Protein backbone atom coordinates (compact mmCIF):
# COMPACT_ATOMS: atom_id res chain seq x y z
CA UNK A 1 42.91 -0.96 16.70
CA UNK A 2 39.28 -0.86 17.82
CA UNK A 3 38.18 0.44 14.40
CA UNK A 4 39.85 -2.52 12.60
CA UNK A 5 38.24 -5.01 14.99
CA UNK A 6 34.82 -3.42 14.44
CA UNK A 7 35.31 -3.58 10.65
CA UNK A 8 36.29 -7.26 10.85
CA UNK A 9 33.24 -8.05 12.98
CA UNK A 10 30.95 -6.24 10.51
CA UNK A 11 32.36 -8.14 7.53
CA UNK A 12 31.93 -11.53 9.21
CA UNK A 13 28.24 -11.00 10.03
CA UNK A 14 27.43 -9.29 6.73
CA UNK A 15 26.51 -5.84 8.07
CA UNK A 16 26.29 -3.47 5.12
CA UNK A 17 27.63 -6.05 2.65
CA UNK A 18 24.38 -7.97 2.21
CA UNK A 19 22.18 -5.21 0.77
CA UNK A 20 22.90 -6.08 -2.88
CA UNK A 21 24.05 -9.18 -4.72
CA UNK A 22 26.66 -6.97 -6.44
CA UNK A 23 28.59 -6.36 -3.18
CA UNK A 24 31.45 -8.57 -2.05
CA UNK A 25 32.30 -8.71 1.64
CA UNK A 26 35.99 -8.13 2.49
CA UNK A 27 36.48 -11.92 2.78
CA UNK A 28 35.11 -12.48 -0.74
CA UNK A 29 31.55 -13.65 0.00
CA UNK A 30 28.31 -12.63 -1.70
CA UNK A 31 25.81 -12.74 1.14
CA UNK A 32 22.65 -12.40 -0.97
CA UNK A 33 23.53 -15.62 -2.81
CA UNK A 34 24.20 -17.36 0.51
CA UNK A 35 20.81 -16.20 1.81
CA UNK A 36 19.17 -17.66 -1.33
CA UNK A 37 20.81 -20.95 -0.35
CA UNK A 38 19.15 -20.67 3.08
CA UNK A 39 15.74 -20.46 1.37
CA UNK A 40 16.51 -23.83 -0.23
CA UNK A 41 17.66 -25.35 3.07
CA UNK A 42 14.30 -24.57 4.70
CA UNK A 43 12.34 -26.29 1.91
CA UNK A 44 11.32 -29.94 1.44
CA UNK A 45 13.94 -32.47 0.33
CA UNK A 46 14.34 -33.35 -3.35
CA UNK A 47 16.26 -36.47 -4.36
CA UNK A 48 17.36 -37.57 -7.83
CA UNK A 49 19.18 -40.70 -8.98
CA UNK A 50 20.60 -41.79 -12.31
CA UNK A 51 20.14 -45.57 -12.70
CA UNK A 52 21.37 -47.97 -15.36
CA UNK A 53 18.17 -47.57 -17.39
CA UNK A 54 16.99 -44.01 -16.67
CA UNK A 55 16.51 -41.27 -14.07
CA UNK A 56 14.16 -41.03 -11.07
CA UNK A 57 13.18 -37.89 -9.11
CA UNK A 58 11.53 -37.80 -5.70
CA UNK A 59 10.25 -34.94 -3.55
CA UNK A 60 9.05 -34.53 0.03
CA UNK A 61 6.22 -32.04 -0.62
CA UNK A 62 5.19 -30.62 2.75
CA UNK A 63 1.42 -30.22 3.01
CA UNK A 64 0.67 -26.67 4.15
CA UNK A 65 -3.02 -27.35 4.84
CA UNK A 66 -5.26 -30.38 5.33
CA UNK A 67 -7.69 -28.74 2.91
CA UNK A 68 -5.17 -28.82 0.05
CA UNK A 69 -6.24 -30.88 -2.97
CA UNK A 70 -3.91 -33.86 -3.47
CA UNK A 71 -1.56 -33.37 -6.41
CA UNK A 72 -1.67 -29.55 -6.39
CA UNK A 73 1.35 -27.23 -6.06
CA UNK A 74 3.58 -29.80 -7.71
CA UNK A 75 7.31 -29.64 -7.02
CA UNK A 76 8.24 -31.93 -9.92
CA UNK A 77 7.43 -30.53 -13.38
CA UNK A 78 7.89 -31.54 -17.01
CA UNK A 79 10.00 -29.26 -19.20
CA UNK A 80 10.02 -31.28 -22.42
CA UNK A 81 9.05 -34.87 -23.23
CA UNK A 82 12.50 -36.09 -22.15
CA UNK A 83 13.24 -33.60 -19.32
CA UNK A 84 11.87 -33.18 -15.80
CA UNK A 85 12.76 -30.72 -13.03
CA UNK A 86 12.44 -30.97 -9.24
CA UNK A 87 12.30 -27.64 -7.37
CA UNK A 88 13.53 -27.11 -3.82
CA UNK A 89 13.13 -23.63 -2.34
CA UNK A 90 10.67 -20.88 -3.28
CA UNK A 91 8.11 -22.49 -5.59
CA UNK A 92 7.20 -19.24 -7.39
CA UNK A 93 10.88 -18.71 -8.28
CA UNK A 94 11.10 -22.31 -9.43
CA UNK A 95 8.11 -21.89 -11.75
CA UNK A 96 9.92 -19.04 -13.51
CA UNK A 97 12.94 -21.29 -14.01
CA UNK A 98 10.72 -24.05 -15.40
CA UNK A 99 9.14 -21.57 -17.85
CA UNK A 100 12.63 -20.48 -18.92
CA UNK A 101 13.68 -24.12 -19.36
CA UNK A 102 10.59 -24.79 -21.50
CA UNK A 103 11.45 -21.81 -23.72
CA UNK A 104 15.06 -22.99 -24.08
CA UNK A 105 13.93 -26.54 -24.96
CA UNK A 106 11.39 -25.30 -27.54
CA UNK A 107 13.88 -22.90 -29.18
CA UNK A 108 16.56 -25.60 -29.41
CA UNK A 109 14.06 -28.03 -31.00
CA UNK A 110 12.96 -25.37 -33.55
CA UNK A 111 16.54 -24.40 -34.46
CA UNK A 112 18.33 -27.78 -34.46
CA UNK A 113 15.40 -30.11 -35.15
CA UNK A 114 16.21 -32.42 -32.23
CA UNK A 115 15.51 -32.48 -28.46
CA UNK A 116 17.83 -30.41 -26.28
CA UNK A 117 20.54 -32.49 -24.52
CA UNK A 118 20.41 -32.39 -20.71
CA UNK A 119 23.93 -30.91 -20.47
CA UNK A 120 23.09 -27.93 -22.71
CA UNK A 121 19.79 -27.23 -20.96
CA UNK A 122 21.44 -27.37 -17.52
CA UNK A 123 24.23 -25.03 -18.62
CA UNK A 124 21.81 -22.53 -20.20
CA UNK A 125 19.61 -22.54 -17.09
CA UNK A 126 22.67 -22.14 -14.87
CA UNK A 127 23.74 -19.10 -16.94
CA UNK A 128 20.27 -17.61 -16.50
CA UNK A 129 20.38 -18.17 -12.72
CA UNK A 130 23.88 -16.68 -12.54
CA UNK A 131 22.77 -13.54 -14.40
CA UNK A 132 20.39 -12.83 -11.49
CA UNK A 133 23.37 -12.59 -9.11
CA UNK A 134 25.14 -9.89 -11.19
CA UNK A 135 22.74 -6.92 -11.08
CA UNK A 136 21.62 -4.82 -8.11
CA UNK A 137 18.12 -4.39 -9.62
CA UNK A 138 17.20 -8.09 -9.29
CA UNK A 139 17.58 -10.70 -6.57
CA UNK A 140 19.02 -14.24 -6.84
CA UNK A 141 16.62 -17.15 -7.36
CA UNK A 142 15.75 -18.77 -4.03
CA UNK A 143 15.81 -22.26 -5.52
CA UNK A 144 18.04 -25.20 -6.31
CA UNK A 145 16.77 -27.53 -9.03
CA UNK A 146 17.46 -31.07 -10.17
CA UNK A 147 17.29 -31.50 -13.97
CA UNK A 148 16.69 -35.09 -15.12
CA UNK A 149 16.91 -36.02 -18.78
CA UNK A 150 17.44 -38.88 -21.21
CA UNK A 151 18.97 -37.99 -24.59
CA UNK A 152 21.12 -39.67 -27.24
CA UNK A 153 24.00 -39.86 -24.73
CA UNK A 154 21.81 -41.68 -22.21
CA UNK A 155 20.38 -40.62 -18.83
CA UNK A 156 21.78 -37.62 -16.93
CA UNK A 157 21.08 -35.76 -13.69
CA UNK A 158 22.15 -32.16 -13.09
CA UNK A 159 21.86 -29.90 -10.06
CA UNK A 160 21.79 -26.10 -10.30
CA UNK A 161 22.47 -23.88 -7.27
CA UNK A 162 21.26 -20.27 -6.65
CA UNK A 163 24.80 -19.10 -7.49
CA UNK A 164 24.51 -20.44 -11.04
CA UNK A 165 26.86 -23.39 -10.49
CA UNK A 166 25.79 -26.69 -12.04
CA UNK A 167 27.01 -30.24 -11.38
CA UNK A 168 26.42 -33.63 -13.03
CA UNK A 169 25.52 -36.38 -10.53
CA UNK A 170 24.72 -40.08 -10.22
CA UNK A 171 22.69 -39.29 -7.13
CA UNK A 172 21.92 -35.93 -5.50
CA UNK A 173 19.78 -34.43 -2.73
CA UNK A 174 18.81 -30.80 -2.09
CA UNK A 175 16.66 -29.13 0.56
CA UNK A 176 16.52 -29.40 4.35
CA UNK A 177 17.35 -33.12 4.53
CA UNK A 178 20.15 -33.13 1.96
CA UNK A 179 22.97 -34.30 4.26
CA UNK A 180 21.30 -37.46 5.68
CA UNK A 181 19.76 -38.14 2.24
CA UNK A 182 23.24 -38.04 0.62
CA UNK A 183 24.49 -40.56 3.19
CA UNK A 184 21.62 -42.92 2.21
CA UNK A 185 22.21 -42.41 -1.53
CA UNK A 186 25.92 -43.23 -1.20
CA UNK A 187 24.97 -46.72 0.06
CA UNK A 188 23.20 -47.55 -3.23
CA UNK A 189 24.91 -49.19 -6.22
CA UNK A 190 23.08 -46.98 -8.73
CA UNK A 191 24.87 -48.33 -11.82
CA UNK A 192 23.40 -51.81 -11.06
CA UNK A 193 19.85 -50.73 -10.15
CA UNK A 194 16.89 -50.20 -12.49
CA UNK A 195 14.43 -47.32 -12.08
CA UNK A 196 11.73 -49.67 -10.79
CA UNK A 197 14.10 -51.17 -8.20
CA UNK A 198 15.26 -47.77 -6.94
CA UNK A 199 11.72 -46.44 -6.24
CA UNK A 200 11.61 -48.16 -2.84
CA UNK A 201 15.08 -46.82 -1.93
CA UNK A 202 14.10 -43.27 -2.91
CA UNK A 203 10.87 -43.48 -0.89
CA UNK A 204 12.79 -44.87 2.10
CA UNK A 205 15.41 -42.10 1.86
CA UNK A 206 12.77 -39.34 1.83
CA UNK A 207 10.79 -40.93 4.68
CA UNK A 208 13.96 -41.41 6.75
CA UNK A 209 14.99 -37.72 6.49
CA UNK A 210 11.47 -36.42 7.23
CA UNK A 211 11.13 -35.21 10.81
CA UNK A 212 7.67 -36.31 11.99
CA UNK A 213 7.91 -34.14 15.13
CA UNK A 214 9.05 -30.82 13.63
CA UNK A 215 7.70 -31.03 10.06
CA UNK A 216 4.18 -31.06 8.71
CA UNK A 217 2.78 -34.14 6.96
CA UNK A 218 4.05 -34.60 3.42
CA UNK A 219 3.04 -36.02 0.07
CA UNK A 220 5.67 -38.09 -1.74
CA UNK A 221 6.10 -37.12 -5.39
CA UNK A 222 7.92 -39.56 -7.68
CA UNK A 223 8.68 -39.20 -11.39
CA UNK A 224 10.88 -41.05 -13.86
CA UNK A 225 12.23 -41.21 -17.40
CA UNK A 226 12.89 -44.78 -18.51
CA UNK A 227 11.75 -47.47 -20.93
CA UNK A 228 8.69 -48.12 -18.76
CA UNK A 229 7.57 -44.50 -19.22
CA UNK A 230 8.25 -44.62 -22.99
CA UNK A 231 11.43 -42.52 -22.47
CA UNK A 232 9.20 -39.58 -21.50
CA UNK A 233 9.18 -37.71 -18.20
CA UNK A 234 6.09 -38.89 -16.31
CA UNK A 235 4.92 -39.16 -12.73
CA UNK A 236 5.36 -42.73 -11.46
CA UNK A 237 1.97 -44.56 -11.70
CA UNK A 238 0.08 -44.30 -8.39
CA UNK A 239 -0.03 -48.06 -7.76
CA UNK A 240 3.78 -48.36 -8.14
CA UNK A 241 4.41 -45.26 -6.00
CA UNK A 242 2.06 -46.53 -3.26
CA UNK A 243 3.72 -49.98 -3.29
CA UNK A 244 7.20 -48.42 -3.05
CA UNK A 245 6.11 -46.13 -0.22
CA UNK A 246 4.50 -48.99 1.74
CA UNK A 247 7.64 -51.14 1.34
CA UNK A 248 9.83 -48.21 2.43
CA UNK A 249 7.72 -47.59 5.57
CA UNK A 250 7.78 -51.32 6.45
CA UNK A 251 11.58 -51.42 6.09
CA UNK A 252 12.02 -48.31 8.27
CA UNK A 253 9.74 -49.86 10.96
CA UNK A 254 11.84 -53.04 10.84
CA UNK A 255 15.05 -51.04 11.22
CA UNK A 256 13.60 -49.21 14.24
CA UNK A 257 12.57 -52.48 15.89
CA UNK A 258 16.07 -53.92 15.35
CA UNK A 259 17.57 -50.90 17.09
């Protein structure tokens, strides 16, 4: 009947079912969580890789104004000495998650007397994110985050979605360029590469997914946890980051000339 058809049309476009994150649509979707995912997809691209000797994070930080001081509004932050987070989506939401992660890491260290493993931190953060999809009085976090850590079990890389799902990856990309970035990452033999070797590949991946026509200029952020950083999460030294970026640009220019 006409009424059934109208009801089906309403459910497919979310009319009336997207007002709260506590409402399911008739086909089992939670639209508010999907909309939070859209906020991530319109943000800069974050890329993380787990190498044989550590973890590297990279971010395409779009520059909103030419007057912005270089290095401000960071998208890659330190949670504990051995943990770093890259935020794609709404930065203010991401800062709250970073603060929560810092509290979790500090409490674990106080209680157990050792640094929090990456797996436990990722799962606790994912539970926190998921809680914000269960109550009508709050909204889901408009961020996906990459959690990089090195603990007694070695390096690990986790991704947390706005739904509260978390996955363990060798290489992962989130943000607007995630699909082409994943294609580039799948070409790398990450288990054979060192953190220093992968810097150029990460820079090339981020430069290749950046749309010079549509997007604003961007600042490349790179951080790592490896022996070279003293097994602490630190931003990659500027001279190394600049060298990697220059090599990446040269390689992309070469590829374009060959085409």
